[in-house]
Amino acid sequence: MSLFPSSKRFTATREPPPPAPLPRKRGRTKNQNNGYDASNEPIGFERGFEAEEIIGATDLDGQIMFNIKWKGADILDWVPAKEANVKCPQVVIKYYESCLTWKTEEEAESGDS
């Protein structure tokens, strides 16, 4: 005798988590979030936070966007590079410096790329 009748099967009906949201364009009026309209929520510097670190960058329709982590918050926002260059230039410089690779004199003389 088994614990479960053979005529019934138990299966998990767990749905996969929703995909991470893409950076939204300003002025978007189309509601693409299943009835949830996030167009009125502040994003980026509109939240009033100070930029702590740039996590990454991407090109969105020909515009460079930075993924910025904010001080005192566990929030990341995609912010246009033009805006970040003006509002947090030292954070932008620090990010670009972290992306640089330097060659030693030996590497430069040997011609290794």
N, C-alpha and C. Protein backbone atom coordinates (compact mmCIF):
# COMPACT_ATOMS: atom_id res chain seq x y z
N MET A 1 0.85 -1.18 0.00
CA MET A 1 0.00 0.00 0.00
C MET A 1 0.89 1.24 0.00
N SER A 2 0.63 2.19 -0.90
CA SER A 2 1.44 3.40 -0.98
C SER A 2 0.76 4.53 -0.20
N LEU A 3 1.54 5.55 0.06
CA LEU A 3 1.01 6.69 0.81
C LEU A 3 0.05 7.53 -0.02
N PHE A 4 0.27 7.57 -1.32
CA PHE A 4 -0.56 8.36 -2.20
C PHE A 4 -1.31 7.45 -3.16
N PRO A 5 -2.57 7.71 -3.37
CA PRO A 5 -3.30 6.90 -4.35
C PRO A 5 -2.68 7.09 -5.73
N SER A 6 -2.63 6.01 -6.50
CA SER A 6 -1.99 6.06 -7.81
C SER A 6 -2.77 6.89 -8.81
N SER A 7 -4.03 7.15 -8.56
CA SER A 7 -4.82 7.93 -9.50
C SER A 7 -4.56 9.42 -9.41
N LYS A 8 -3.94 9.88 -8.33
CA LYS A 8 -3.67 11.30 -8.17
C LYS A 8 -2.17 11.54 -8.26
N ARG A 9 -1.80 12.56 -8.97
CA ARG A 9 -0.40 12.95 -9.05
C ARG A 9 -0.26 14.37 -8.55
N PHE A 10 0.78 14.58 -7.80
CA PHE A 10 1.04 15.90 -7.25
C PHE A 10 2.20 16.51 -8.01
N THR A 11 1.97 17.66 -8.58
CA THR A 11 3.04 18.35 -9.30
C THR A 11 3.12 19.78 -8.80
N ALA A 12 4.30 20.31 -8.85
CA ALA A 12 4.49 21.71 -8.46
C ALA A 12 4.00 22.60 -9.58
N THR A 13 3.27 23.64 -9.22
CA THR A 13 2.76 24.57 -10.22
C THR A 13 3.35 25.95 -9.98
N ARG A 14 4.62 25.99 -9.85
CA ARG A 14 5.31 27.26 -9.58
C ARG A 14 5.68 27.92 -10.90
N GLU A 15 5.34 29.19 -11.02
CA GLU A 15 5.66 29.94 -12.23
C GLU A 15 7.07 30.50 -12.13
N PRO A 16 7.76 30.62 -13.27
CA PRO A 16 9.10 31.21 -13.23
C PRO A 16 9.00 32.69 -12.88
N PRO A 17 10.07 33.26 -12.29
CA PRO A 17 10.03 34.68 -11.93
C PRO A 17 9.98 35.53 -13.19
N PRO A 18 9.39 36.72 -13.11
CA PRO A 18 9.32 37.58 -14.28
C PRO A 18 10.72 38.08 -14.65
N PRO A 19 10.96 38.37 -15.93
CA PRO A 19 12.28 38.86 -16.34
C PRO A 19 12.56 40.23 -15.75
N ALA A 20 13.84 40.55 -15.60
CA ALA A 20 14.23 41.86 -15.08
C ALA A 20 13.79 42.95 -16.05
N PRO A 21 13.32 44.09 -15.53
CA PRO A 21 12.86 45.15 -16.42
C PRO A 21 14.01 45.81 -17.17
N LEU A 22 13.75 46.15 -18.41
CA LEU A 22 14.72 46.89 -19.21
C LEU A 22 14.62 48.36 -18.85
N PRO A 23 15.66 49.13 -19.15
CA PRO A 23 15.56 50.56 -18.88
C PRO A 23 14.41 51.15 -19.69
N ARG A 24 13.62 51.97 -19.03
CA ARG A 24 12.48 52.54 -19.75
C ARG A 24 12.85 53.89 -20.34
N LYS A 25 12.22 54.20 -21.44
CA LYS A 25 12.45 55.48 -22.08
C LYS A 25 11.55 56.52 -21.43
N ARG A 26 12.04 57.71 -21.35
CA ARG A 26 11.23 58.79 -20.78
C ARG A 26 10.10 59.13 -21.75
N GLY A 27 8.96 59.47 -21.19
CA GLY A 27 7.83 59.87 -22.01
C GLY A 27 7.04 58.70 -22.56
N ARG A 28 7.32 57.50 -22.12
CA ARG A 28 6.60 56.34 -22.61
C ARG A 28 5.17 56.39 -22.08
N THR A 29 4.21 56.26 -22.95
CA THR A 29 2.83 56.30 -22.53
C THR A 29 2.16 54.94 -22.66
N LYS A 30 2.75 54.05 -23.40
CA LYS A 30 2.16 52.74 -23.59
C LYS A 30 2.35 51.91 -22.32
N ASN A 31 1.28 51.29 -21.83
CA ASN A 31 1.36 50.48 -20.62
C ASN A 31 1.69 49.05 -21.01
N GLN A 32 2.94 48.64 -20.75
CA GLN A 32 3.39 47.31 -21.13
C GLN A 32 3.67 46.43 -19.91
N ASN A 33 3.23 46.82 -18.75
CA ASN A 33 3.54 46.10 -17.52
C ASN A 33 2.32 45.41 -16.93
N ASN A 34 1.50 44.81 -17.78
CA ASN A 34 0.32 44.06 -17.33
C ASN A 34 -0.57 44.86 -16.39
N GLY A 35 -0.89 46.08 -16.77
CA GLY A 35 -1.79 46.90 -15.99
C GLY A 35 -1.12 47.77 -14.96
N TYR A 36 0.18 47.58 -14.73
CA TYR A 36 0.90 48.39 -13.75
C TYR A 36 1.59 49.51 -14.49
N ASP A 37 1.26 50.74 -14.15
CA ASP A 37 1.83 51.89 -14.83
C ASP A 37 2.92 52.49 -13.96
N ALA A 38 4.19 52.26 -14.35
CA ALA A 38 5.34 52.75 -13.58
C ALA A 38 5.87 54.06 -14.13
N SER A 39 5.17 54.67 -15.07
CA SER A 39 5.69 55.88 -15.71
C SER A 39 5.69 57.08 -14.77
N ASN A 40 4.95 57.03 -13.67
CA ASN A 40 4.92 58.14 -12.73
C ASN A 40 5.95 58.02 -11.62
N GLU A 41 6.62 56.86 -11.53
CA GLU A 41 7.61 56.67 -10.49
C GLU A 41 8.90 57.39 -10.87
N PRO A 42 9.54 58.05 -9.91
CA PRO A 42 10.82 58.71 -10.23
C PRO A 42 11.91 57.67 -10.47
N ILE A 43 12.80 57.98 -11.41
CA ILE A 43 13.93 57.10 -11.66
C ILE A 43 15.20 57.94 -11.69
N GLY A 44 16.32 57.28 -11.53
CA GLY A 44 17.60 57.97 -11.62
C GLY A 44 17.74 59.05 -10.56
N PHE A 45 18.26 60.18 -10.96
CA PHE A 45 18.51 61.28 -10.03
C PHE A 45 17.22 61.89 -9.50
N GLU A 46 16.08 61.62 -10.14
CA GLU A 46 14.79 62.12 -9.67
C GLU A 46 14.44 61.55 -8.29
N ARG A 47 15.04 60.43 -7.92
CA ARG A 47 14.77 59.81 -6.61
C ARG A 47 15.36 60.61 -5.47
N GLY A 48 16.34 61.47 -5.77
CA GLY A 48 16.96 62.28 -4.73
C GLY A 48 18.16 61.63 -4.06
N PHE A 49 18.61 60.48 -4.57
CA PHE A 49 19.77 59.80 -4.01
C PHE A 49 21.04 60.31 -4.67
N GLU A 50 22.16 60.05 -3.99
CA GLU A 50 23.47 60.38 -4.53
C GLU A 50 24.07 59.11 -5.13
N ALA A 51 24.71 59.23 -6.29
CA ALA A 51 25.31 58.08 -6.95
C ALA A 51 26.48 57.56 -6.14
N GLU A 52 26.52 56.23 -5.94
CA GLU A 52 27.63 55.61 -5.21
C GLU A 52 28.63 54.98 -6.17
N GLU A 53 28.12 54.26 -7.18
CA GLU A 53 29.00 53.52 -8.07
C GLU A 53 28.27 53.20 -9.37
N ILE A 54 29.02 53.17 -10.46
CA ILE A 54 28.46 52.71 -11.73
C ILE A 54 28.80 51.24 -11.86
N ILE A 55 27.77 50.43 -12.01
CA ILE A 55 27.92 48.98 -12.06
C ILE A 55 28.25 48.51 -13.48
N GLY A 56 27.68 49.16 -14.48
CA GLY A 56 27.90 48.76 -15.86
C GLY A 56 27.38 49.83 -16.80
N ALA A 57 27.54 49.56 -18.09
CA ALA A 57 27.08 50.49 -19.11
C ALA A 57 26.55 49.70 -20.30
N THR A 58 25.67 50.32 -21.05
CA THR A 58 25.13 49.71 -22.26
C THR A 58 24.75 50.80 -23.25
N ASP A 59 24.51 50.38 -24.46
CA ASP A 59 24.06 51.29 -25.51
C ASP A 59 22.60 50.99 -25.76
N LEU A 60 21.74 51.97 -25.57
CA LEU A 60 20.31 51.80 -25.78
C LEU A 60 19.87 52.79 -26.85
N ASP A 61 19.60 52.28 -28.02
CA ASP A 61 19.17 53.12 -29.15
C ASP A 61 20.17 54.24 -29.43
N GLY A 62 21.47 53.92 -29.38
CA GLY A 62 22.50 54.91 -29.69
C GLY A 62 22.85 55.84 -28.54
N GLN A 63 22.24 55.64 -27.39
CA GLN A 63 22.52 56.48 -26.22
C GLN A 63 23.18 55.61 -25.15
N ILE A 64 24.33 56.05 -24.63
CA ILE A 64 25.02 55.30 -23.58
C ILE A 64 24.27 55.49 -22.27
N MET A 65 24.01 54.35 -21.60
CA MET A 65 23.30 54.37 -20.33
C MET A 65 24.19 53.71 -19.28
N PHE A 66 24.24 54.29 -18.07
CA PHE A 66 24.97 53.73 -16.95
C PHE A 66 24.00 53.09 -15.98
N ASN A 67 24.37 51.92 -15.46
CA ASN A 67 23.60 51.27 -14.39
C ASN A 67 24.21 51.75 -13.08
N ILE A 68 23.50 52.60 -12.35
CA ILE A 68 24.04 53.28 -11.18
C ILE A 68 23.44 52.71 -9.90
N LYS A 69 24.33 52.45 -8.92
CA LYS A 69 23.92 52.07 -7.56
C LYS A 69 23.92 53.34 -6.73
N TRP A 70 22.88 53.50 -5.91
CA TRP A 70 22.70 54.72 -5.13
C TRP A 70 23.15 54.52 -3.70
N LYS A 71 23.70 55.59 -3.09
CA LYS A 71 24.11 55.55 -1.68
C LYS A 71 22.87 55.44 -0.80
N GLY A 72 22.94 54.55 0.18
CA GLY A 72 21.86 54.42 1.14
C GLY A 72 20.63 53.71 0.62
N ALA A 73 20.72 53.07 -0.55
CA ALA A 73 19.57 52.37 -1.11
C ALA A 73 20.06 51.15 -1.87
N ASP A 74 19.24 50.13 -1.89
CA ASP A 74 19.56 48.92 -2.65
C ASP A 74 18.84 48.97 -4.00
N ILE A 75 19.01 50.07 -4.69
CA ILE A 75 18.32 50.30 -5.96
C ILE A 75 19.35 50.56 -7.04
N LEU A 76 19.10 50.01 -8.22
CA LEU A 76 19.91 50.30 -9.40
C LEU A 76 19.00 50.93 -10.44
N ASP A 77 19.50 51.95 -11.12
CA ASP A 77 18.73 52.60 -12.18
C ASP A 77 19.62 52.77 -13.40
N TRP A 78 19.01 52.70 -14.58
CA TRP A 78 19.69 53.05 -15.82
C TRP A 78 19.54 54.55 -16.01
N VAL A 79 20.67 55.23 -16.15
CA VAL A 79 20.69 56.69 -16.26
C VAL A 79 21.48 57.06 -17.53
N PRO A 80 20.99 58.02 -18.31
CA PRO A 80 21.76 58.45 -19.48
C PRO A 80 23.14 58.97 -19.08
N ALA A 81 24.16 58.60 -19.84
CA ALA A 81 25.53 59.02 -19.54
C ALA A 81 25.66 60.54 -19.54
N LYS A 82 24.93 61.21 -20.42
CA LYS A 82 25.00 62.68 -20.47
C LYS A 82 24.58 63.29 -19.13
N GLU A 83 23.57 62.72 -18.51
CA GLU A 83 23.10 63.23 -17.22
C GLU A 83 24.09 62.89 -16.11
N ALA A 84 24.63 61.66 -16.13
CA ALA A 84 25.59 61.26 -15.10
C ALA A 84 26.88 62.06 -15.20
N ASN A 85 27.32 62.39 -16.42
CA ASN A 85 28.54 63.17 -16.60
C ASN A 85 28.45 64.53 -15.91
N VAL A 86 27.26 65.08 -15.86
CA VAL A 86 27.05 66.40 -15.25
C VAL A 86 26.83 66.29 -13.75
N LYS A 87 26.03 65.30 -13.33
CA LYS A 87 25.60 65.24 -11.94
C LYS A 87 26.55 64.46 -11.02
N CYS A 88 27.36 63.57 -11.57
CA CYS A 88 28.31 62.82 -10.73
C CYS A 88 29.58 62.52 -11.54
N PRO A 89 30.31 63.57 -11.94
CA PRO A 89 31.47 63.35 -12.81
C PRO A 89 32.56 62.49 -12.20
N GLN A 90 32.78 62.59 -10.89
CA GLN A 90 33.84 61.79 -10.26
C GLN A 90 33.50 60.29 -10.27
N VAL A 91 32.23 59.96 -10.14
CA VAL A 91 31.80 58.56 -10.19
C VAL A 91 32.00 58.03 -11.61
N VAL A 92 31.71 58.85 -12.62
CA VAL A 92 31.89 58.46 -14.01
C VAL A 92 33.38 58.25 -14.30
N ILE A 93 34.22 59.16 -13.84
CA ILE A 93 35.67 59.03 -14.04
C ILE A 93 36.18 57.75 -13.39
N LYS A 94 35.72 57.48 -12.17
CA LYS A 94 36.14 56.27 -11.46
C LYS A 94 35.74 55.02 -12.25
N TYR A 95 34.55 55.03 -12.85
CA TYR A 95 34.10 53.88 -13.65
C TYR A 95 34.99 53.70 -14.88
N TYR A 96 35.25 54.78 -15.60
CA TYR A 96 36.09 54.67 -16.79
C TYR A 96 37.50 54.23 -16.43
N GLU A 97 38.03 54.71 -15.31
CA GLU A 97 39.36 54.29 -14.88
C GLU A 97 39.39 52.79 -14.56
N SER A 98 38.30 52.27 -14.01
CA SER A 98 38.26 50.84 -13.68
C SER A 98 38.21 49.98 -14.94
N CYS A 99 37.79 50.56 -16.06
CA CYS A 99 37.72 49.82 -17.32
C CYS A 99 39.04 49.82 -18.09
N LEU A 100 39.98 50.68 -17.70
CA LEU A 100 41.26 50.76 -18.40
C LEU A 100 42.14 49.56 -18.10
N THR A 101 42.93 49.18 -19.09
CA THR A 101 43.96 48.17 -18.88
C THR A 101 45.30 48.79 -19.21
N TRP A 102 46.27 48.57 -18.36
CA TRP A 102 47.58 49.17 -18.53
C TRP A 102 48.60 48.11 -18.90
N LYS A 103 49.53 48.49 -19.77
CA LYS A 103 50.64 47.61 -20.12
C LYS A 103 51.87 48.03 -19.35
N THR A 104 52.65 47.05 -18.94
CA THR A 104 53.92 47.36 -18.30
C THR A 104 54.93 47.69 -19.40
N GLU A 105 56.06 48.23 -19.02
CA GLU A 105 57.09 48.57 -20.01
C GLU A 105 57.56 47.34 -20.75
N GLU A 106 57.67 46.21 -20.08
CA GLU A 106 58.12 44.97 -20.73
C GLU A 106 57.12 44.54 -21.80
N GLU A 107 55.82 44.63 -21.50
CA GLU A 107 54.80 44.25 -22.47
C GLU A 107 54.82 45.17 -23.67
N ALA A 108 55.02 46.47 -23.43
CA ALA A 108 55.04 47.43 -24.52
C ALA A 108 56.25 47.21 -25.42
N GLU A 109 57.41 46.90 -24.85
CA GLU A 109 58.62 46.70 -25.63
C GLU A 109 58.59 45.39 -26.42
N SER A 110 57.98 44.35 -25.86
CA SER A 110 57.94 43.07 -26.55
C SER A 110 56.89 43.04 -27.66
N GLY A 111 55.98 43.99 -27.66
CA GLY A 111 54.97 44.07 -28.71
C GLY A 111 53.82 43.14 -28.51
N ASP A 112 53.68 42.56 -27.33
CA ASP A 112 52.54 41.69 -27.04
C ASP A 112 51.28 42.53 -26.95
N SER A 113 50.23 42.03 -27.55
CA SER A 113 48.96 42.77 -27.51
C SER A 113 48.01 42.09 -26.59
